[in-house]
């Protein structure tokens, strides 16, 4: 039975949707027996149907190329997706590592900052005979360019370096 609704038309022909599939006629009054009448098909129609059912070489080649291209794209996409997932996991692990290192660094800095007591340092310096510098002992000089100072020799009395 074809898909669709079965309707009864005049002259006892049943139709399914809008196509007549099989012509059926009633043979007797109230019985539900039907006989099927097949419409004869011409040889030319059969030949055209057979030709339409054959797949040509060009169509098969095109179809094979299209399937191969689709498979290539799918596998390539899956590979890229797997690489992306792997990179995402690696980034997350590196972020976790950075966070733990930052926490450790902050913890160590706080420990060092809390372990230094400036009052103890002053007392130890006085015990060793250290005193604050006088204004007569301070010599100011101009550096030649960069802000980094590497002292390999004595600072000149006039405060001018030879690098200028």
Protein backbone atom coordinates (compact mmCIF):
# COMPACT_ATOMS: atom_id res chain seq x y z
CA UNK A 1 0.00 0.00 0.00
CA UNK A 2 1.43 3.38 -0.92
CA UNK A 3 1.92 6.19 1.54
CA UNK A 4 -0.85 8.74 1.69
CA UNK A 5 -4.59 8.76 2.06
CA UNK A 6 -6.79 6.35 0.20
CA UNK A 7 -9.67 8.06 -1.62
CA UNK A 8 -12.43 6.67 -3.71
CA UNK A 9 -13.16 8.38 -6.97
CA UNK A 10 -16.05 7.90 -9.36
CA UNK A 11 -15.85 4.68 -11.38
CA UNK A 12 -14.38 2.75 -8.39
CA UNK A 13 -10.74 3.81 -8.95
CA UNK A 14 -8.76 4.23 -5.80
CA UNK A 15 -6.17 6.99 -5.65
CA UNK A 16 -3.31 7.44 -3.25
CA UNK A 17 -2.51 11.13 -2.90
CA UNK A 18 -2.45 12.56 -6.38
CA UNK A 19 -1.05 9.58 -8.31
CA UNK A 20 -3.03 6.66 -9.64
CA UNK A 21 -1.01 3.60 -8.67
CA UNK A 22 -3.23 0.72 -9.65
CA UNK A 23 -6.62 0.68 -11.25
CA UNK A 24 -8.87 -1.57 -9.26
CA UNK A 25 -12.45 -2.45 -10.10
CA UNK A 26 -15.06 -4.27 -8.10
CA UNK A 27 -16.10 -7.62 -9.51
CA UNK A 28 -19.27 -8.22 -7.54
CA UNK A 29 -21.82 -6.18 -5.60
CA UNK A 30 -20.93 -6.13 -1.90
CA UNK A 31 -17.73 -8.17 -1.89
CA UNK A 32 -14.40 -6.55 -1.30
CA UNK A 33 -12.53 -8.45 -3.98
CA UNK A 34 -10.75 -6.39 -6.56
CA UNK A 35 -8.92 -7.30 -9.71
CA UNK A 36 -5.88 -5.38 -10.85
CA UNK A 37 -5.53 -4.09 -14.37
CA UNK A 38 -1.92 -3.49 -15.42
CA UNK A 39 -1.31 -0.85 -18.04
CA UNK A 40 0.91 -2.19 -20.83
CA UNK A 41 4.33 -0.52 -21.16
CA UNK A 42 5.80 0.06 -24.63
CA UNK A 43 9.28 -1.27 -25.51
CA UNK A 44 10.55 2.29 -26.05
CA UNK A 45 9.45 3.21 -22.50
CA UNK A 46 11.18 0.12 -21.08
CA UNK A 47 14.36 1.01 -22.99
CA UNK A 48 14.27 4.58 -21.66
CA UNK A 49 13.67 3.29 -18.12
CA UNK A 50 16.68 0.93 -18.37
CA UNK A 51 18.86 3.72 -19.77
CA UNK A 52 17.77 6.04 -16.95
CA UNK A 53 18.63 3.40 -14.35
CA UNK A 54 22.22 2.97 -15.61
CA UNK A 55 24.94 5.07 -14.04
CA UNK A 56 27.35 6.60 -16.51
CA UNK A 57 31.13 6.57 -16.07
CA UNK A 58 31.28 10.35 -15.64
CA UNK A 59 28.60 10.35 -12.96
CA UNK A 60 30.25 7.49 -11.05
CA UNK A 61 33.63 9.25 -11.26
CA UNK A 62 32.16 12.52 -10.06
CA UNK A 63 30.34 10.76 -7.22
CA UNK A 64 33.52 8.90 -6.17
CA UNK A 65 35.52 12.17 -6.19
CA UNK A 66 32.84 13.94 -4.17
CA UNK A 67 32.78 11.13 -1.58
CA UNK A 68 36.60 11.10 -1.40
CA UNK A 69 36.69 14.89 -0.94
CA UNK A 70 34.02 14.72 1.76
CA UNK A 71 35.92 11.98 3.60
CA UNK A 72 39.19 13.93 3.33
CA UNK A 73 37.54 17.05 4.74
CA UNK A 74 35.93 15.06 7.57
CA UNK A 75 39.17 13.32 8.58
CA UNK A 76 41.12 16.57 8.31
CA UNK A 77 38.52 18.30 10.49
CA UNK A 78 38.73 15.52 13.08
CA UNK A 79 42.53 15.83 13.12
CA UNK A 80 42.38 19.60 13.56
CA UNK A 81 39.77 19.20 16.29
CA UNK A 82 41.99 16.67 18.12
CA UNK A 83 44.98 19.04 17.86
CA UNK A 84 42.87 21.90 19.17
CA UNK A 85 41.69 19.82 22.12
CA UNK A 86 45.28 18.81 22.90
CA UNK A 87 46.49 22.42 22.73
CA UNK A 88 43.62 23.55 24.95
CA UNK A 89 44.53 20.93 27.57
CA UNK A 90 48.19 21.98 27.39
CA UNK A 91 47.27 25.66 27.81
CA UNK A 92 45.12 24.85 30.82
CA UNK A 93 47.92 22.83 32.44
CA UNK A 94 50.38 25.68 31.82
CA UNK A 95 47.93 28.18 33.31
CA UNK A 96 47.58 25.97 36.37
CA UNK A 97 51.36 25.76 36.66
CA UNK A 98 51.73 29.55 36.33
CA UNK A 99 49.10 30.09 39.00
CA UNK A 100 50.84 27.72 41.41
CA UNK A 101 54.23 29.36 40.72
CA UNK A 102 52.76 32.83 41.30
CA UNK A 103 51.27 31.67 44.61
CA UNK A 104 54.60 30.13 45.63
CA UNK A 105 56.45 33.32 44.62
CA UNK A 106 54.05 35.49 46.62
CA UNK A 107 54.39 33.18 49.60
CA UNK A 108 58.23 33.32 49.47
CA UNK A 109 58.18 37.11 49.08
CA UNK A 110 55.96 37.48 52.14
CA UNK A 111 58.21 35.14 54.10
CA UNK A 112 61.30 37.18 53.18
CA UNK A 113 59.56 40.50 53.81
CA UNK A 114 58.34 39.31 57.21
CA UNK A 115 61.71 37.80 58.14
CA UNK A 116 63.53 41.14 57.74
CA UNK A 117 63.41 43.36 60.75
CA UNK A 118 64.98 46.77 60.09
CA UNK A 119 65.51 47.40 63.78
CA UNK A 120 67.62 44.25 64.10
CA UNK A 121 69.64 45.31 61.03
CA UNK A 122 70.37 48.77 62.59
CA UNK A 123 71.41 47.19 65.88
CA UNK A 124 73.73 44.71 64.10
CA UNK A 125 75.21 47.56 62.01
CA UNK A 126 75.93 49.61 65.17
CA UNK A 127 77.55 46.51 66.75
CA UNK A 128 79.84 46.28 63.72
CA UNK A 129 80.70 49.98 63.98
CA UNK A 130 78.77 51.18 60.98
CA UNK A 131 77.40 54.74 60.96
CA UNK A 132 75.37 56.85 58.54
CA UNK A 133 77.40 58.78 55.95
CA UNK A 134 78.10 62.52 56.39
CA UNK A 135 77.24 64.97 53.65
CA UNK A 136 81.00 65.41 53.12
CA UNK A 137 81.34 61.73 52.29
CA UNK A 138 78.65 61.72 49.58
CA UNK A 139 79.90 62.31 46.02
CA UNK A 140 77.34 62.71 43.24
CA UNK A 141 78.32 62.06 39.65
CA UNK A 142 76.72 61.80 36.21
CA UNK A 143 76.41 58.35 34.64
CA UNK A 144 77.18 57.92 30.94
CA UNK A 145 73.93 56.71 29.42
CA UNK A 146 72.47 53.63 31.02
CA UNK A 147 71.18 53.46 34.55
CA UNK A 148 73.20 50.42 35.49
CA UNK A 149 76.37 51.08 37.46
CA UNK A 150 79.30 48.70 37.50
CA UNK A 151 82.10 49.97 39.61
CA UNK A 152 85.50 48.61 38.59
CA UNK A 153 87.56 51.55 39.85
CA UNK A 154 87.29 54.42 42.25
CA UNK A 155 84.81 57.23 41.66
CA UNK A 156 86.67 60.42 40.61
CA UNK A 157 86.75 63.32 43.06
CA UNK A 158 85.11 65.77 40.61
CA UNK A 159 82.15 63.38 40.03
CA UNK A 160 82.66 63.21 36.24
CA UNK A 161 83.22 59.87 34.53
CA UNK A 162 85.44 59.44 31.47
CA UNK A 163 82.62 57.79 29.46
CA UNK A 164 80.95 61.08 28.57
